[in-house]
Amino acid sequence: MKMWKQGMMTTALVMGLVMPGVALAHDVSATVAQSSKPTHSHDEHGEKHMKVRHSSNRGVHQKMYMLLLAEKYAPDSVGKWQAAFKERDRLMSEFEALSDDPKWQAKREERKQLINKLNEQVKKGEITNEQMEKQFKEWKDKNMGPKEERDVRKARIEQMKKTHEAFDSAIESGDTAKIKESLQQMLEQMQANNSRMAEKLAMKKK
């Protein structure tokens, strides 16, 4: 029971370690529906989800937890972890500042209006569900990148989840070597995500 609880705590803390950056990096300008069907508005849910992810308390807990593990199992990596967290915080702050830019607010409003318009057209029988999906896909391809890019992001997120699951297993096993290896994988994942966030931020500033 103790190990199960430990695993649950690890998941709760670690799943937010890299994921917030991904969410912000691929769509800080608009709250994005995960489904390709725009029949339900996800704006309110998405905004609440981002607020939860950006909880300062949660961020502090994540940082403390990972640094404590690094100090115990991989002390030589502590400095790298501290630098990675510092860089992530900086990038997320800049992304949040960008989200207040009138240009990105306008983009969110544009998406909301498009969803409402398409839903009304379907209700009135002016277009079919297939046509609605096609038009919304065209908007997403133009404003969020082609589907191929979104598929790559989805695959990357799935890989992150697998890394987190492996980390859970390592912690639960208590195996020092496995924990150290998983910590290194988590660190590399976070550093890679920081790099992607930095690239995305540079593009949005142009």
N, C-alpha and C. Protein backbone atom coordinates (compact mmCIF):
# COMPACT_ATOMS: atom_id res chain seq x y z
N MET A 1 0.83 -1.21 0.00
CA MET A 1 0.00 0.00 0.00
C MET A 1 0.86 1.25 0.00
N LYS A 2 1.93 1.22 0.78
CA LYS A 2 2.82 2.38 0.85
C LYS A 2 3.43 2.67 -0.50
N MET A 3 3.88 1.61 -1.20
CA MET A 3 4.51 1.81 -2.50
C MET A 3 3.49 2.30 -3.51
N TRP A 4 2.23 1.83 -3.41
CA TRP A 4 1.18 2.29 -4.33
C TRP A 4 0.95 3.78 -4.14
N LYS A 5 0.86 4.22 -2.88
CA LYS A 5 0.65 5.64 -2.61
C LYS A 5 1.82 6.46 -3.11
N GLN A 6 3.02 5.93 -2.96
CA GLN A 6 4.21 6.64 -3.43
C GLN A 6 4.16 6.81 -4.94
N GLY A 7 3.71 5.73 -5.62
CA GLY A 7 3.60 5.81 -7.07
C GLY A 7 2.57 6.83 -7.50
N MET A 8 1.44 6.89 -6.80
CA MET A 8 0.40 7.86 -7.12
C MET A 8 0.91 9.27 -6.93
N MET A 9 1.67 9.50 -5.87
CA MET A 9 2.22 10.83 -5.62
C MET A 9 3.20 11.21 -6.72
N THR A 10 4.01 10.25 -7.13
CA THR A 10 4.97 10.50 -8.19
C THR A 10 4.27 10.91 -9.47
N THR A 11 3.22 10.17 -9.82
CA THR A 11 2.47 10.49 -11.04
C THR A 11 1.87 11.89 -10.96
N ALA A 12 1.25 12.21 -9.85
CA ALA A 12 0.60 13.52 -9.70
C ALA A 12 1.59 14.65 -9.85
N LEU A 13 2.77 14.48 -9.30
CA LEU A 13 3.77 15.55 -9.35
C LEU A 13 4.48 15.62 -10.69
N VAL A 14 4.85 14.44 -11.20
CA VAL A 14 5.71 14.41 -12.36
C VAL A 14 4.98 14.63 -13.67
N MET A 15 3.71 14.20 -13.77
CA MET A 15 3.01 14.35 -15.03
C MET A 15 2.94 15.81 -15.48
N GLY A 16 2.99 16.73 -14.54
CA GLY A 16 2.96 18.14 -14.91
C GLY A 16 4.33 18.71 -15.17
N LEU A 17 5.36 17.90 -15.01
CA LEU A 17 6.72 18.41 -15.10
C LEU A 17 7.06 18.93 -16.48
N VAL A 18 6.69 18.18 -17.50
CA VAL A 18 7.00 18.57 -18.87
C VAL A 18 5.75 18.96 -19.64
N MET A 19 4.63 18.37 -19.29
CA MET A 19 3.41 18.60 -20.06
C MET A 19 2.98 20.06 -20.16
N PRO A 20 3.08 20.88 -19.10
CA PRO A 20 2.64 22.26 -19.24
C PRO A 20 3.36 22.98 -20.36
N GLY A 21 4.63 22.73 -20.47
CA GLY A 21 5.41 23.38 -21.52
C GLY A 21 4.92 22.99 -22.90
N VAL A 22 4.58 21.73 -23.05
CA VAL A 22 4.09 21.28 -24.34
C VAL A 22 2.79 21.97 -24.69
N ALA A 23 1.89 22.03 -23.73
CA ALA A 23 0.59 22.66 -23.97
C ALA A 23 0.77 24.11 -24.37
N LEU A 24 1.63 24.81 -23.68
CA LEU A 24 1.85 26.22 -23.99
C LEU A 24 2.58 26.38 -25.31
N ALA A 25 3.55 25.52 -25.54
CA ALA A 25 4.37 25.68 -26.72
C ALA A 25 3.58 25.48 -28.01
N HIS A 26 2.68 24.49 -28.05
CA HIS A 26 2.00 24.27 -29.32
C HIS A 26 0.75 25.09 -29.47
N ASP A 27 0.26 25.76 -28.37
CA ASP A 27 -0.91 26.60 -28.56
C ASP A 27 -1.13 27.56 -27.42
N VAL A 28 -0.21 28.51 -27.27
CA VAL A 28 -0.43 29.52 -26.25
C VAL A 28 -1.38 30.58 -26.75
N SER A 29 -1.53 30.66 -28.07
CA SER A 29 -2.36 31.71 -28.64
C SER A 29 -3.84 31.40 -28.61
N ALA A 30 -4.21 30.15 -28.37
CA ALA A 30 -5.62 29.78 -28.34
C ALA A 30 -5.80 28.53 -27.51
N THR A 31 -6.97 28.41 -26.91
CA THR A 31 -7.29 27.20 -26.17
C THR A 31 -7.73 26.16 -27.17
N VAL A 32 -6.97 25.08 -27.28
CA VAL A 32 -7.18 24.16 -28.38
C VAL A 32 -8.01 22.96 -27.97
N ALA A 33 -9.01 22.63 -28.78
CA ALA A 33 -9.79 21.41 -28.56
C ALA A 33 -8.96 20.24 -29.01
N GLN A 34 -8.93 19.17 -28.21
CA GLN A 34 -8.16 17.99 -28.58
C GLN A 34 -8.88 17.20 -29.66
N SER A 35 -10.20 17.33 -29.72
CA SER A 35 -10.94 16.63 -30.75
C SER A 35 -10.93 17.42 -32.04
N SER A 36 -11.04 16.71 -33.16
CA SER A 36 -11.11 17.40 -34.44
C SER A 36 -12.50 17.91 -34.72
N LYS A 37 -13.48 17.52 -33.87
CA LYS A 37 -14.85 17.97 -34.08
C LYS A 37 -15.14 19.19 -33.22
N PRO A 38 -15.50 20.30 -33.84
CA PRO A 38 -15.76 21.54 -33.10
C PRO A 38 -17.20 21.64 -32.63
N THR A 39 -17.84 20.54 -32.32
CA THR A 39 -19.24 20.58 -31.94
C THR A 39 -19.43 20.98 -30.48
N HIS A 40 -18.33 20.98 -29.69
CA HIS A 40 -18.43 21.39 -28.30
C HIS A 40 -17.34 22.41 -28.02
N SER A 41 -17.68 23.44 -27.32
CA SER A 41 -16.69 24.46 -26.99
C SER A 41 -15.81 23.99 -25.85
N HIS A 42 -14.48 24.02 -26.07
CA HIS A 42 -13.54 23.59 -25.04
C HIS A 42 -12.81 24.78 -24.43
N ASP A 43 -13.21 25.98 -24.80
CA ASP A 43 -12.46 27.15 -24.35
C ASP A 43 -12.46 27.27 -22.83
N GLU A 44 -13.63 27.17 -22.23
CA GLU A 44 -13.70 27.34 -20.80
C GLU A 44 -12.92 26.25 -20.08
N HIS A 45 -13.10 25.01 -20.52
CA HIS A 45 -12.38 23.90 -19.90
C HIS A 45 -10.88 24.08 -20.08
N GLY A 46 -10.47 24.47 -21.31
CA GLY A 46 -9.05 24.63 -21.59
C GLY A 46 -8.41 25.69 -20.73
N GLU A 47 -9.10 26.82 -20.56
CA GLU A 47 -8.55 27.90 -19.75
C GLU A 47 -8.41 27.48 -18.30
N LYS A 48 -9.40 26.73 -17.79
CA LYS A 48 -9.31 26.25 -16.42
C LYS A 48 -8.17 25.27 -16.28
N HIS A 49 -7.99 24.43 -17.32
CA HIS A 49 -6.94 23.43 -17.27
C HIS A 49 -5.57 24.09 -17.22
N MET A 50 -5.40 25.16 -18.01
CA MET A 50 -4.13 25.88 -18.01
C MET A 50 -3.87 26.51 -16.66
N LYS A 51 -4.92 27.05 -16.03
CA LYS A 51 -4.74 27.66 -14.73
C LYS A 51 -4.28 26.63 -13.71
N VAL A 52 -4.86 25.43 -13.79
CA VAL A 52 -4.46 24.37 -12.86
C VAL A 52 -3.01 24.00 -13.09
N ARG A 53 -2.66 23.89 -14.35
CA ARG A 53 -1.29 23.50 -14.67
C ARG A 53 -0.28 24.54 -14.21
N HIS A 54 -0.71 25.79 -14.17
CA HIS A 54 0.21 26.86 -13.82
C HIS A 54 0.16 27.19 -12.33
N SER A 55 -0.47 26.36 -11.57
CA SER A 55 -0.53 26.58 -10.13
C SER A 55 0.87 26.68 -9.57
N SER A 56 1.16 27.79 -8.90
CA SER A 56 2.50 27.99 -8.36
C SER A 56 2.86 26.94 -7.32
N ASN A 57 1.86 26.55 -6.51
CA ASN A 57 2.13 25.54 -5.49
C ASN A 57 2.53 24.22 -6.12
N ARG A 58 1.82 23.83 -7.16
CA ARG A 58 2.14 22.58 -7.83
C ARG A 58 3.54 22.64 -8.42
N GLY A 59 3.86 23.76 -9.03
CA GLY A 59 5.18 23.92 -9.63
C GLY A 59 6.28 23.81 -8.59
N VAL A 60 6.06 24.42 -7.45
CA VAL A 60 7.05 24.36 -6.37
C VAL A 60 7.22 22.93 -5.89
N HIS A 61 6.12 22.20 -5.75
CA HIS A 61 6.17 20.82 -5.29
C HIS A 61 6.92 19.93 -6.29
N GLN A 62 6.66 20.15 -7.58
CA GLN A 62 7.35 19.38 -8.61
C GLN A 62 8.86 19.62 -8.52
N LYS A 63 9.22 20.87 -8.46
CA LYS A 63 10.63 21.22 -8.42
C LYS A 63 11.30 20.63 -7.19
N MET A 64 10.66 20.77 -6.05
CA MET A 64 11.24 20.26 -4.81
C MET A 64 11.40 18.74 -4.87
N TYR A 65 10.38 18.07 -5.37
CA TYR A 65 10.40 16.62 -5.43
C TYR A 65 11.54 16.12 -6.32
N MET A 66 11.65 16.69 -7.51
CA MET A 66 12.67 16.24 -8.45
C MET A 66 14.07 16.58 -7.96
N LEU A 67 14.23 17.74 -7.35
CA LEU A 67 15.55 18.12 -6.84
C LEU A 67 15.97 17.23 -5.68
N LEU A 68 15.01 16.87 -4.84
CA LEU A 68 15.33 15.97 -3.72
C LEU A 68 15.77 14.61 -4.24
N LEU A 69 15.09 14.11 -5.25
CA LEU A 69 15.47 12.84 -5.84
C LEU A 69 16.84 12.92 -6.50
N ALA A 70 17.08 14.03 -7.19
CA ALA A 70 18.37 14.21 -7.85
C ALA A 70 19.51 14.27 -6.83
N GLU A 71 19.28 14.98 -5.74
CA GLU A 71 20.29 15.08 -4.69
C GLU A 71 20.64 13.72 -4.10
N LYS A 72 19.62 12.86 -4.01
CA LYS A 72 19.84 11.55 -3.41
C LYS A 72 20.43 10.54 -4.38
N TYR A 73 19.92 10.52 -5.61
CA TYR A 73 20.31 9.47 -6.54
C TYR A 73 21.28 9.91 -7.64
N ALA A 74 21.30 11.20 -7.95
CA ALA A 74 22.18 11.69 -9.01
C ALA A 74 22.67 13.10 -8.68
N PRO A 75 23.43 13.25 -7.60
CA PRO A 75 23.86 14.58 -7.14
C PRO A 75 24.61 15.40 -8.19
N ASP A 76 25.25 14.70 -9.12
CA ASP A 76 25.98 15.43 -10.16
C ASP A 76 25.05 16.12 -11.15
N SER A 77 23.76 15.78 -11.11
CA SER A 77 22.81 16.37 -12.06
C SER A 77 21.98 17.51 -11.45
N VAL A 78 22.17 17.79 -10.18
CA VAL A 78 21.35 18.80 -9.50
C VAL A 78 21.43 20.16 -10.20
N GLY A 79 22.63 20.57 -10.54
CA GLY A 79 22.81 21.85 -11.22
C GLY A 79 22.06 21.91 -12.54
N LYS A 80 22.06 20.81 -13.27
CA LYS A 80 21.36 20.75 -14.56
C LYS A 80 19.84 20.82 -14.34
N TRP A 81 19.37 20.15 -13.30
CA TRP A 81 17.94 20.23 -12.99
C TRP A 81 17.53 21.66 -12.63
N GLN A 82 18.35 22.31 -11.81
CA GLN A 82 18.04 23.68 -11.41
C GLN A 82 17.99 24.61 -12.62
N ALA A 83 18.95 24.41 -13.53
CA ALA A 83 18.99 25.24 -14.74
C ALA A 83 17.78 24.97 -15.63
N ALA A 84 17.37 23.70 -15.73
CA ALA A 84 16.23 23.34 -16.56
C ALA A 84 14.94 23.94 -16.01
N PHE A 85 14.77 23.89 -14.70
CA PHE A 85 13.58 24.48 -14.09
C PHE A 85 13.57 26.01 -14.28
N LYS A 86 14.73 26.61 -14.11
CA LYS A 86 14.82 28.06 -14.26
C LYS A 86 14.46 28.48 -15.68
N GLU A 87 14.96 27.72 -16.66
CA GLU A 87 14.67 28.03 -18.05
C GLU A 87 13.19 27.79 -18.36
N ARG A 88 12.62 26.70 -17.83
CA ARG A 88 11.21 26.43 -18.07
C ARG A 88 10.34 27.55 -17.51
N ASP A 89 10.66 28.00 -16.30
CA ASP A 89 9.87 29.07 -15.68
C ASP A 89 9.95 30.36 -16.51
N ARG A 90 11.15 30.63 -17.00
CA ARG A 90 11.32 31.85 -17.82
C ARG A 90 10.49 31.77 -19.09
N LEU A 91 10.56 30.64 -19.77
CA LEU A 91 9.83 30.47 -21.02
C LEU A 91 8.32 30.52 -20.81
N MET A 92 7.85 29.88 -19.76
CA MET A 92 6.41 29.88 -19.50
C MET A 92 5.91 31.27 -19.15
N SER A 93 6.73 32.04 -18.45
CA SER A 93 6.35 33.41 -18.12
C SER A 93 6.22 34.24 -19.40
N GLU A 94 7.14 34.04 -20.33
CA GLU A 94 7.09 34.79 -21.58
C GLU A 94 5.89 34.36 -22.42
N PHE A 95 5.57 33.06 -22.41
CA PHE A 95 4.41 32.58 -23.13
C PHE A 95 3.13 33.18 -22.55
N GLU A 96 3.06 33.24 -21.24
CA GLU A 96 1.87 33.79 -20.59
C GLU A 96 1.71 35.27 -20.93
N ALA A 97 2.84 35.97 -21.00
CA ALA A 97 2.79 37.38 -21.38
C ALA A 97 2.28 37.53 -22.82
N LEU A 98 2.72 36.62 -23.69
CA LEU A 98 2.27 36.66 -25.08
C LEU A 98 0.77 36.41 -25.19
N SER A 99 0.24 35.57 -24.30
CA SER A 99 -1.18 35.22 -24.38
C SER A 99 -2.07 36.42 -24.13
N ASP A 100 -1.51 37.46 -23.50
CA ASP A 100 -2.27 38.68 -23.25
C ASP A 100 -2.19 39.66 -24.42
N ASP A 101 -1.37 39.30 -25.40
CA ASP A 101 -1.22 40.15 -26.58
C ASP A 101 -2.55 40.21 -27.32
N PRO A 102 -3.01 41.40 -27.72
CA PRO A 102 -4.28 41.54 -28.44
C PRO A 102 -4.37 40.63 -29.66
N LYS A 103 -3.23 40.39 -30.30
CA LYS A 103 -3.23 39.55 -31.50
C LYS A 103 -3.68 38.13 -31.17
N TRP A 104 -3.19 37.58 -30.03
CA TRP A 104 -3.54 36.21 -29.67
C TRP A 104 -4.95 36.17 -29.07
N GLN A 105 -5.35 37.24 -28.42
CA GLN A 105 -6.73 37.30 -27.92
C GLN A 105 -7.70 37.30 -29.09
N ALA A 106 -7.32 37.99 -30.15
CA ALA A 106 -8.16 38.04 -31.34
C ALA A 106 -8.25 36.66 -31.98
N LYS A 107 -7.15 35.91 -31.92
CA LYS A 107 -7.15 34.57 -32.50
C LYS A 107 -8.08 33.64 -31.71
N ARG A 108 -8.08 33.76 -30.40
CA ARG A 108 -8.99 32.96 -29.58
C ARG A 108 -10.44 33.29 -29.92
N GLU A 109 -10.70 34.59 -30.08
CA GLU A 109 -12.07 35.02 -30.39
C GLU A 109 -12.47 34.52 -31.78
N GLU A 110 -11.53 34.54 -32.70
CA GLU A 110 -11.80 34.06 -34.06
C GLU A 110 -12.19 32.58 -34.03
N ARG A 111 -11.46 31.80 -33.25
CA ARG A 111 -11.75 30.37 -33.15
C ARG A 111 -13.14 30.14 -32.53
N LYS A 112 -13.44 30.90 -31.49
CA LYS A 112 -14.73 30.76 -30.82
C LYS A 112 -15.87 31.09 -31.77
N GLN A 113 -15.71 32.17 -32.52
CA GLN A 113 -16.77 32.57 -33.45
C GLN A 113 -16.94 31.56 -34.57
N LEU A 114 -15.83 30.99 -35.03
CA LEU A 114 -15.90 30.00 -36.09
C LEU A 114 -16.68 28.77 -35.62
N ILE A 115 -16.39 28.31 -34.40
CA ILE A 115 -17.08 27.15 -33.85
C ILE A 115 -18.59 27.43 -33.76
N ASN A 116 -18.93 28.60 -33.24
CA ASN A 116 -20.36 28.96 -33.13
C ASN A 116 -21.03 29.02 -34.50
N LYS A 117 -20.32 29.61 -35.44
CA LYS A 117 -20.87 29.75 -36.80
C LYS A 117 -21.10 28.38 -37.44
N LEU A 118 -20.12 27.50 -37.33
CA LEU A 118 -20.24 26.18 -37.94
C LEU A 118 -21.35 25.36 -37.28
N ASN A 119 -21.45 25.46 -35.98
CA ASN A 119 -22.51 24.74 -35.28
C ASN A 119 -23.90 25.22 -35.72
N GLU A 120 -24.03 26.53 -35.88
CA GLU A 120 -25.32 27.09 -36.32
C GLU A 120 -25.65 26.64 -37.73
N GLN A 121 -24.63 26.59 -38.60
CA GLN A 121 -24.86 26.17 -39.98
C GLN A 121 -25.30 24.71 -40.05
N VAL A 122 -24.73 23.89 -39.17
CA VAL A 122 -25.11 22.48 -39.13
C VAL A 122 -26.56 22.35 -38.64
N LYS A 123 -26.89 23.10 -37.60
CA LYS A 123 -28.25 23.05 -37.05
C LYS A 123 -29.29 23.46 -38.10
N LYS A 124 -28.94 24.45 -38.92
CA LYS A 124 -29.87 24.94 -39.94
C LYS A 124 -29.87 24.08 -41.19
N GLY A 125 -28.97 23.12 -41.24
CA GLY A 125 -28.90 22.24 -42.41
C GLY A 125 -28.16 22.85 -43.58
N GLU A 126 -27.45 23.94 -43.33
CA GLU A 126 -26.72 24.61 -44.41
C GLU A 126 -25.46 23.84 -44.81
N ILE A 127 -24.86 23.14 -43.85
CA ILE A 127 -23.69 22.32 -44.13
C ILE A 127 -23.82 21.01 -43.34
N THR A 128 -23.07 20.01 -43.78
CA THR A 128 -23.09 18.72 -43.09
C THR A 128 -21.99 18.70 -42.02
N ASN A 129 -22.03 17.68 -41.17
CA ASN A 129 -20.98 17.52 -40.17
C ASN A 129 -19.62 17.37 -40.82
N GLU A 130 -19.58 16.64 -41.95
CA GLU A 130 -18.33 16.43 -42.66
C GLU A 130 -17.76 17.76 -43.17
N GLN A 131 -18.65 18.61 -43.70
CA GLN A 131 -18.20 19.92 -44.19
C GLN A 131 -17.72 20.80 -43.03
N MET A 132 -18.42 20.69 -41.91
CA MET A 132 -18.02 21.46 -40.73
C MET A 132 -16.61 21.04 -40.29
N GLU A 133 -16.38 19.74 -40.22
CA GLU A 133 -15.08 19.24 -39.80
C GLU A 133 -13.99 19.67 -40.78
N LYS A 134 -14.32 19.66 -42.07
CA LYS A 134 -13.34 20.06 -43.08
C LYS A 134 -12.95 21.53 -42.90
N GLN A 135 -13.94 22.39 -42.70
CA GLN A 135 -13.66 23.82 -42.53
C GLN A 135 -12.85 24.08 -41.26
N PHE A 136 -13.20 23.37 -40.19
CA PHE A 136 -12.46 23.57 -38.94
C PHE A 136 -11.04 23.06 -39.07
N LYS A 137 -10.87 21.96 -39.79
CA LYS A 137 -9.52 21.42 -40.03
C LYS A 137 -8.68 22.42 -40.82
N GLU A 138 -9.30 23.04 -41.82
CA GLU A 138 -8.58 24.03 -42.62
C GLU A 138 -8.12 25.19 -41.75
N TRP A 139 -8.99 25.59 -40.80
CA TRP A 139 -8.62 26.68 -39.89
C TRP A 139 -7.47 26.24 -38.99
N LYS A 140 -7.53 25.02 -38.48
CA LYS A 140 -6.46 24.52 -37.61
C LYS A 140 -5.14 24.39 -38.37
N ASP A 141 -5.22 23.90 -39.62
CA ASP A 141 -4.00 23.77 -40.42
C ASP A 141 -3.33 25.12 -40.64
N LYS A 142 -4.17 26.14 -40.79
CA LYS A 142 -3.65 27.49 -41.04
C LYS A 142 -3.11 28.13 -39.77
N ASN A 143 -3.77 27.92 -38.65
CA ASN A 143 -3.44 28.62 -37.42
C ASN A 143 -2.68 27.79 -36.39
N MET A 144 -2.71 26.47 -36.51
CA MET A 144 -2.05 25.61 -35.53
C MET A 144 -1.03 24.68 -36.16
N GLY A 145 -0.81 24.83 -37.46
CA GLY A 145 0.11 23.94 -38.14
C GLY A 145 -0.64 22.76 -38.75
N PRO A 146 -0.08 22.15 -39.80
CA PRO A 146 -0.74 21.03 -40.47
C PRO A 146 -0.97 19.85 -39.53
N LYS A 147 -1.88 18.98 -39.91
CA LYS A 147 -2.21 17.81 -39.10
C LYS A 147 -0.96 16.97 -38.82
N GLU A 148 -0.05 16.90 -39.82
CA GLU A 148 1.16 16.11 -39.63
C GLU A 148 1.95 16.61 -38.43
N GLU A 149 2.04 17.93 -38.29
CA GLU A 149 2.76 18.51 -37.16
C GLU A 149 2.03 18.20 -35.86
N ARG A 150 0.70 18.26 -35.88
CA ARG A 150 -0.06 17.96 -34.67
C ARG A 150 0.09 16.50 -34.28
N ASP A 151 0.18 15.62 -35.29
CA ASP A 151 0.38 14.20 -35.01
C ASP A 151 1.74 13.96 -34.36
N VAL A 152 2.74 14.70 -34.81
CA VAL A 152 4.08 14.57 -34.23
C VAL A 152 4.04 15.00 -32.77
N ARG A 153 3.33 16.10 -32.50
CA ARG A 153 3.21 16.57 -31.12
C ARG A 153 2.50 15.53 -30.26
N LYS A 154 1.43 14.94 -30.82
CA LYS A 154 0.68 13.92 -30.08
C LYS A 154 1.57 12.73 -29.75
N ALA A 155 2.36 12.30 -30.73
CA ALA A 155 3.26 11.16 -30.50
C ALA A 155 4.30 11.50 -29.45
N ARG A 156 4.77 12.76 -29.46
CA ARG A 156 5.77 13.18 -28.48
C ARG A 156 5.17 13.17 -27.07
N ILE A 157 3.93 13.60 -26.95
CA ILE A 157 3.28 13.61 -25.65
C ILE A 157 3.09 12.18 -25.15
N GLU A 158 2.74 11.27 -26.05
CA GLU A 158 2.59 9.87 -25.66
C GLU A 158 3.91 9.30 -25.16
N GLN A 159 5.01 9.69 -25.82
CA GLN A 159 6.32 9.23 -25.38
C GLN A 159 6.65 9.77 -24.00
N MET A 160 6.26 11.02 -23.76
CA MET A 160 6.49 11.61 -22.45
C MET A 160 5.75 10.82 -21.36
N LYS A 161 4.52 10.43 -21.67
CA LYS A 161 3.74 9.66 -20.71
C LYS A 161 4.43 8.34 -20.39
N LYS A 162 4.99 7.71 -21.42
CA LYS A 162 5.69 6.44 -21.21
C LYS A 162 6.92 6.64 -20.32
N THR A 163 7.61 7.75 -20.55
CA THR A 163 8.79 8.05 -19.72
C THR A 163 8.37 8.25 -18.27
N HIS A 164 7.25 8.93 -18.07
CA HIS A 164 6.75 9.16 -16.71
C HIS A 164 6.35 7.85 -16.04
N GLU A 165 5.74 6.95 -16.83
CA GLU A 165 5.34 5.65 -16.29
C GLU A 165 6.57 4.84 -15.88
N ALA A 166 7.61 4.91 -16.70
CA ALA A 166 8.84 4.20 -16.38
C ALA A 166 9.47 4.78 -15.12
N PHE A 167 9.35 6.09 -14.98
CA PHE A 167 9.87 6.76 -13.79
C PHE A 167 9.12 6.29 -12.55
N ASP A 168 7.79 6.21 -12.67
CA ASP A 168 6.96 5.68 -11.57
C ASP A 168 7.44 4.30 -11.14
N SER A 169 7.63 3.44 -12.14
CA SER A 169 8.04 2.07 -11.85
C SER A 169 9.39 2.03 -11.16
N ALA A 170 10.29 2.90 -11.60
CA ALA A 170 11.62 2.94 -10.99
C ALA A 170 11.55 3.36 -9.53
N ILE A 171 10.72 4.38 -9.26
CA ILE A 171 10.57 4.85 -7.88
C ILE A 171 9.97 3.76 -7.01
N GLU A 172 8.95 3.10 -7.53
CA GLU A 172 8.29 2.05 -6.76
C GLU A 172 9.21 0.86 -6.50
N SER A 173 10.11 0.59 -7.44
CA SER A 173 11.02 -0.54 -7.28
C SER A 173 12.09 -0.27 -6.22
N GLY A 174 12.41 1.02 -6.03
CA GLY A 174 13.46 1.35 -5.07
C GLY A 174 14.85 1.02 -5.59
N ASP A 175 14.94 0.64 -6.85
CA ASP A 175 16.23 0.28 -7.45
C ASP A 175 17.01 1.56 -7.79
N THR A 176 18.13 1.75 -7.12
CA THR A 176 18.92 2.98 -7.29
C THR A 176 19.33 3.20 -8.74
N ALA A 177 19.79 2.16 -9.39
CA ALA A 177 20.26 2.29 -10.77
C ALA A 177 19.12 2.70 -11.70
N LYS A 178 17.95 2.08 -11.51
CA LYS A 178 16.79 2.40 -12.35
C LYS A 178 16.32 3.84 -12.11
N ILE A 179 16.33 4.24 -10.84
CA ILE A 179 15.90 5.61 -10.52
C ILE A 179 16.84 6.62 -11.15
N LYS A 180 18.13 6.36 -11.04
CA LYS A 180 19.11 7.28 -11.62
C LYS A 180 18.95 7.36 -13.13
N GLU A 181 18.72 6.22 -13.77
CA GLU A 181 18.52 6.20 -15.22
C GLU A 181 17.25 6.96 -15.60
N SER A 182 16.17 6.75 -14.86
CA SER A 182 14.92 7.44 -15.15
C SER A 182 15.03 8.94 -14.92
N LEU A 183 15.75 9.32 -13.89
CA LEU A 183 15.97 10.75 -13.63
C LEU A 183 16.67 11.40 -14.81
N GLN A 184 17.66 10.71 -15.36
CA GLN A 184 18.38 11.25 -16.51
C GLN A 184 17.46 11.40 -17.71
N GLN A 185 16.59 10.40 -17.92
CA GLN A 185 15.64 10.48 -19.03
C GLN A 185 14.67 11.64 -18.84
N MET A 186 14.21 11.82 -17.61
CA MET A 186 13.30 12.92 -17.33
C MET A 186 13.98 14.27 -17.56
N LEU A 187 15.23 14.36 -17.14
CA LEU A 187 15.98 15.60 -17.32
C LEU A 187 16.16 15.91 -18.80
N GLU A 188 16.54 14.92 -19.58
CA GLU A 188 16.74 15.12 -21.02
C GLU A 188 15.44 15.51 -21.69
N GLN A 189 14.35 14.91 -21.24
CA GLN A 189 13.04 15.24 -21.80
C GLN A 189 12.68 16.69 -21.51
N MET A 190 12.94 17.11 -20.29
CA MET A 190 12.63 18.49 -19.91
C MET A 190 13.50 19.48 -20.68
N GLN A 191 14.78 19.16 -20.84
CA GLN A 191 15.68 20.04 -21.59
C GLN A 191 15.25 20.14 -23.05
N ALA A 192 14.85 19.00 -23.63
CA ALA A 192 14.39 19.00 -25.02
C ALA A 192 13.12 19.84 -25.18
N ASN A 193 12.23 19.72 -24.21
CA ASN A 193 10.99 20.49 -24.27
C ASN A 193 11.26 21.98 -24.13
N ASN A 194 12.21 22.33 -23.28
CA ASN A 194 12.60 23.74 -23.14
C ASN A 194 13.10 24.28 -24.48
N SER A 195 13.87 23.47 -25.18
CA SER A 195 14.40 23.90 -26.48
C SER A 195 13.27 24.13 -27.47
N ARG A 196 12.28 23.22 -27.47
CA ARG A 196 11.14 23.39 -28.38
C ARG A 196 10.33 24.63 -28.01
N MET A 197 10.17 24.86 -26.71
CA MET A 197 9.44 26.04 -26.27
C MET A 197 10.15 27.31 -26.70
N ALA A 198 11.48 27.30 -26.58
CA ALA A 198 12.27 28.49 -26.97
C ALA A 198 12.12 28.76 -28.46
N GLU A 199 12.12 27.71 -29.27
CA GLU A 199 11.96 27.87 -30.71
C GLU A 199 10.57 28.41 -31.04
N LYS A 200 9.56 27.86 -30.36
CA LYS A 200 8.19 28.32 -30.61
C LYS A 200 8.02 29.77 -30.19
N LEU A 201 8.64 30.12 -29.07
CA LEU A 201 8.55 31.49 -28.58
C LEU A 201 9.19 32.46 -29.56
N ALA A 202 10.33 32.07 -30.11
CA ALA A 202 11.02 32.93 -31.08
C ALA A 202 10.17 33.15 -32.31
N MET A 203 9.48 32.09 -32.74
CA MET A 203 8.60 32.22 -33.91
C MET A 203 7.44 33.15 -33.63
N LYS A 204 6.87 33.06 -32.44
CA LYS A 204 5.71 33.88 -32.12
C LYS A 204 6.07 35.35 -31.93
N LYS A 205 7.35 35.61 -31.64
CA LYS A 205 7.78 36.99 -31.43
C LYS A 205 8.07 37.69 -32.75
N LYS A 206 8.16 36.93 -33.84
CA LYS A 206 8.47 37.54 -35.13
C LYS A 206 7.32 38.42 -35.62
